[in-house]
Amino acid sequence: MPLQVELVSADSRVWSGEATFVVARTVDGDLGVLPGHAPLLAVLAAGEIKISPASGSDVVATVDGGFLSVEHDRVTVVSDSAALAGSTAR
């Protein structure tokens, strides 16, 4: 079963969909999330989030910090400012 991922900034949904893997930088170091991961709430450091969709190319987004939540194969990333690589920051 794939992960259900949602990446949101303060004013919009930046990306959502199914993924097989998510990598994010937290204040404690890099974190990888696969299906079946234990529930978790982490504080994000400014940097990149890499999402490997169930189909298609990897998605890379830049965040300025925020939170990452994992529960029941659902990953939610919330940041004041987030933008997909190659787009304008929100």
Protein backbone atom coordinates (compact mmCIF):
# COMPACT_ATOMS: atom_id res chain seq x y z
CA MET A 1 0.00 0.00 0.00
CA PRO A 2 1.51 3.39 -0.99
CA LEU A 3 1.79 6.44 1.22
CA GLN A 4 -0.78 9.21 0.87
CA VAL A 5 1.27 12.42 0.88
CA GLU A 6 0.12 16.01 1.23
CA LEU A 7 2.50 18.99 1.19
CA VAL A 8 0.89 22.29 2.14
CA SER A 9 2.10 25.84 2.68
CA ALA A 10 0.31 28.54 4.65
CA ASP A 11 -1.85 29.50 1.68
CA SER A 12 -2.09 26.50 -0.66
CA ARG A 13 -1.69 22.79 -1.31
CA VAL A 14 1.68 22.45 -3.03
CA TRP A 15 1.51 18.72 -3.87
CA SER A 16 -0.59 15.70 -2.98
CA GLY A 17 -0.75 12.14 -4.18
CA GLU A 18 0.48 8.59 -3.66
CA ALA A 19 4.15 7.90 -3.04
CA THR A 20 6.42 4.99 -2.23
CA PHE A 21 9.01 6.99 -0.24
CA VAL A 22 9.47 10.43 1.36
CA VAL A 23 12.75 11.94 2.58
CA ALA A 24 12.81 15.10 4.69
CA ARG A 25 15.38 16.96 6.76
CA THR A 26 14.32 17.37 10.38
CA VAL A 27 16.07 19.30 13.13
CA ASP A 28 17.42 15.91 14.29
CA GLY A 29 18.69 14.79 10.84
CA ASP A 30 17.35 13.25 7.65
CA LEU A 31 14.24 11.09 7.91
CA GLY A 32 13.01 8.50 5.42
CA VAL A 33 9.39 7.34 5.45
CA LEU A 34 8.21 4.12 3.83
CA PRO A 35 4.75 2.51 3.97
CA GLY A 36 4.15 1.00 7.41
CA HIS A 37 6.21 3.65 9.23
CA ALA A 38 5.38 4.15 12.91
CA PRO A 39 3.33 7.24 13.82
CA LEU A 40 5.58 10.28 14.12
CA LEU A 41 5.55 14.06 14.47
CA ALA A 42 8.82 15.79 13.49
CA VAL A 43 9.99 19.40 13.30
CA LEU A 44 11.42 20.16 9.86
CA ALA A 45 14.59 22.11 9.20
CA ALA A 46 14.76 24.43 6.21
CA GLY A 47 15.72 22.43 3.13
CA GLU A 48 14.39 19.98 0.58
CA ILE A 49 11.71 17.31 0.75
CA LYS A 50 11.97 14.49 -1.80
CA ILE A 51 8.84 12.55 -2.68
CA SER A 52 8.99 9.42 -4.84
CA PRO A 53 5.52 9.15 -6.41
CA ALA A 54 3.97 5.74 -7.04
CA SER A 55 4.35 6.60 -10.75
CA GLY A 56 6.43 9.26 -12.44
CA SER A 57 9.55 11.24 -11.56
CA ASP A 58 10.63 12.27 -8.09
CA VAL A 59 9.14 15.49 -6.74
CA VAL A 60 11.47 17.88 -4.92
CA ALA A 61 10.17 20.78 -2.86
CA THR A 62 11.90 23.41 -0.76
CA VAL A 63 10.46 24.26 2.65
CA ASP A 64 11.49 26.85 5.23
CA GLY A 65 10.83 24.55 8.18
CA GLY A 66 7.53 23.32 9.55
CA PHE A 67 6.20 19.93 10.65
CA LEU A 68 5.94 16.43 9.21
CA SER A 69 3.32 14.02 10.51
CA VAL A 70 3.07 10.29 9.77
CA GLU A 71 0.01 8.27 10.71
CA HIS A 72 -1.56 5.19 9.06
CA ASP A 73 0.49 5.56 5.83
CA ARG A 74 -0.53 9.22 5.55
CA VAL A 75 2.29 11.79 5.45
CA THR A 76 1.40 15.44 5.96
CA VAL A 77 4.02 18.18 5.56
CA VAL A 78 3.06 21.67 6.73
CA SER A 79 5.30 24.70 6.18
CA ASP A 80 4.81 28.48 6.15
CA SER A 81 6.57 28.56 2.79
CA ALA A 82 6.92 25.64 0.37
CA ALA A 83 7.58 25.47 -3.36
CA LEU A 84 8.24 22.73 -5.89
CA ALA A 85 11.71 22.86 -7.42
CA GLY A 86 11.70 25.28 -10.31
CA SER A 87 8.68 27.27 -9.09
CA THR A 88 8.29 30.46 -7.08
CA ALA A 89 8.20 30.10 -3.26
CA ARG A 90 4.83 30.40 -1.54
